């Protein structure tokens, strides 16, 4: 659980941190697509994929991390989404 959390920690920090790392990831994917190293164009479904990623990966992971006591008293912020 902790390794998974560390891998996606930017999603559980401030919105500006999230945007910073998300822009970098998008650019990496986009350049890879232009160089034919990525089979899909991230531009086509980036926002939908981000929503799915949060719904199916980040929020369940945040729930597991909260159960482990990682967030202390701030963990319930993810329960609102």
Protein backbone atom coordinates (compact mmCIF):
# COMPACT_ATOMS: atom_id res chain seq x y z
CA UNK A 1 0.00 0.00 0.00
CA UNK A 2 2.76 2.44 0.90
CA UNK A 3 4.71 1.92 -2.34
CA UNK A 4 1.56 2.48 -4.35
CA UNK A 5 0.86 5.63 -2.35
CA UNK A 6 4.39 6.93 -2.88
CA UNK A 7 4.05 6.36 -6.63
CA UNK A 8 0.95 8.55 -6.86
CA UNK A 9 1.54 10.89 -3.91
CA UNK A 10 1.13 13.97 -6.11
CA UNK A 11 -2.58 13.15 -6.41
CA UNK A 12 -2.99 13.45 -2.65
CA UNK A 13 -1.22 16.77 -2.20
CA UNK A 14 -2.23 20.32 -3.04
CA UNK A 15 -3.92 21.03 -6.35
CA UNK A 16 -0.90 23.01 -7.59
CA UNK A 17 1.40 20.03 -6.90
CA UNK A 18 -1.06 17.72 -8.64
CA UNK A 19 -1.20 20.01 -11.70
CA UNK A 20 2.59 20.34 -11.85
CA UNK A 21 3.16 16.58 -11.99
CA UNK A 22 0.12 15.92 -14.14
CA UNK A 23 1.37 18.38 -16.78
CA UNK A 24 4.74 16.64 -16.76
CA UNK A 25 3.13 13.23 -17.18
CA UNK A 26 0.94 14.49 -20.02
CA UNK A 27 3.96 16.01 -21.78
CA UNK A 28 5.89 12.75 -21.40
CA UNK A 29 3.00 10.78 -22.89
CA UNK A 30 2.45 13.30 -25.68
CA UNK A 31 6.12 13.32 -26.73
CA UNK A 32 6.17 9.51 -26.62
CA UNK A 33 3.09 9.47 -28.86
CA UNK A 34 4.68 11.89 -31.33
CA UNK A 35 7.78 9.66 -31.44
CA UNK A 36 5.58 6.60 -32.00
CA UNK A 37 6.54 5.05 -28.66
CA UNK A 38 2.99 5.27 -27.32
CA UNK A 39 0.14 3.64 -29.21
CA UNK A 40 -2.56 6.10 -28.14
CA UNK A 41 -2.87 9.86 -28.30
CA UNK A 42 -3.20 11.14 -24.72
CA UNK A 43 -4.96 14.24 -26.01
CA UNK A 44 -8.02 12.23 -27.05
CA UNK A 45 -9.17 11.04 -23.64
CA UNK A 46 -6.88 12.61 -21.04
CA UNK A 47 -9.61 14.07 -18.83
CA UNK A 48 -11.81 10.97 -18.92
CA UNK A 49 -8.81 8.80 -18.07
CA UNK A 50 -7.91 11.05 -15.14
CA UNK A 51 -11.43 10.74 -13.73
CA UNK A 52 -11.31 6.96 -14.15
CA UNK A 53 -7.87 6.82 -12.53
CA UNK A 54 -9.15 8.70 -9.50
CA UNK A 55 -12.37 6.71 -9.26
CA UNK A 56 -10.88 3.26 -9.69
CA UNK A 57 -7.38 3.61 -8.26
CA UNK A 58 -6.69 6.74 -6.19
CA UNK A 59 -9.86 6.82 -4.08
CA UNK A 60 -9.74 3.10 -3.18
CA UNK A 61 -6.02 3.44 -2.41
CA UNK A 62 -6.69 6.48 -0.23
CA UNK A 63 -9.28 4.42 1.65
CA UNK A 64 -6.74 1.65 2.29
CA UNK A 65 -4.13 4.19 3.38
CA UNK A 66 -6.62 5.80 5.75
CA UNK A 67 -7.36 2.40 7.28
CA UNK A 68 -3.61 2.01 7.88
CA UNK A 69 -3.56 5.41 9.63
CA UNK A 70 -1.35 7.13 7.07
CA UNK A 71 -3.37 10.34 6.89
CA UNK A 72 -4.02 10.88 10.58
CA UNK A 73 -6.93 13.33 10.83
CA UNK A 74 -6.76 14.57 7.21
CA UNK A 75 -7.66 11.24 5.60
CA UNK A 76 -11.37 11.89 5.47
CA UNK A 77 -10.94 14.59 2.82
CA UNK A 78 -11.14 11.82 0.20
CA UNK A 79 -14.50 10.66 1.53
CA UNK A 80 -16.13 13.76 0.02
CA UNK A 81 -15.44 12.66 -3.55
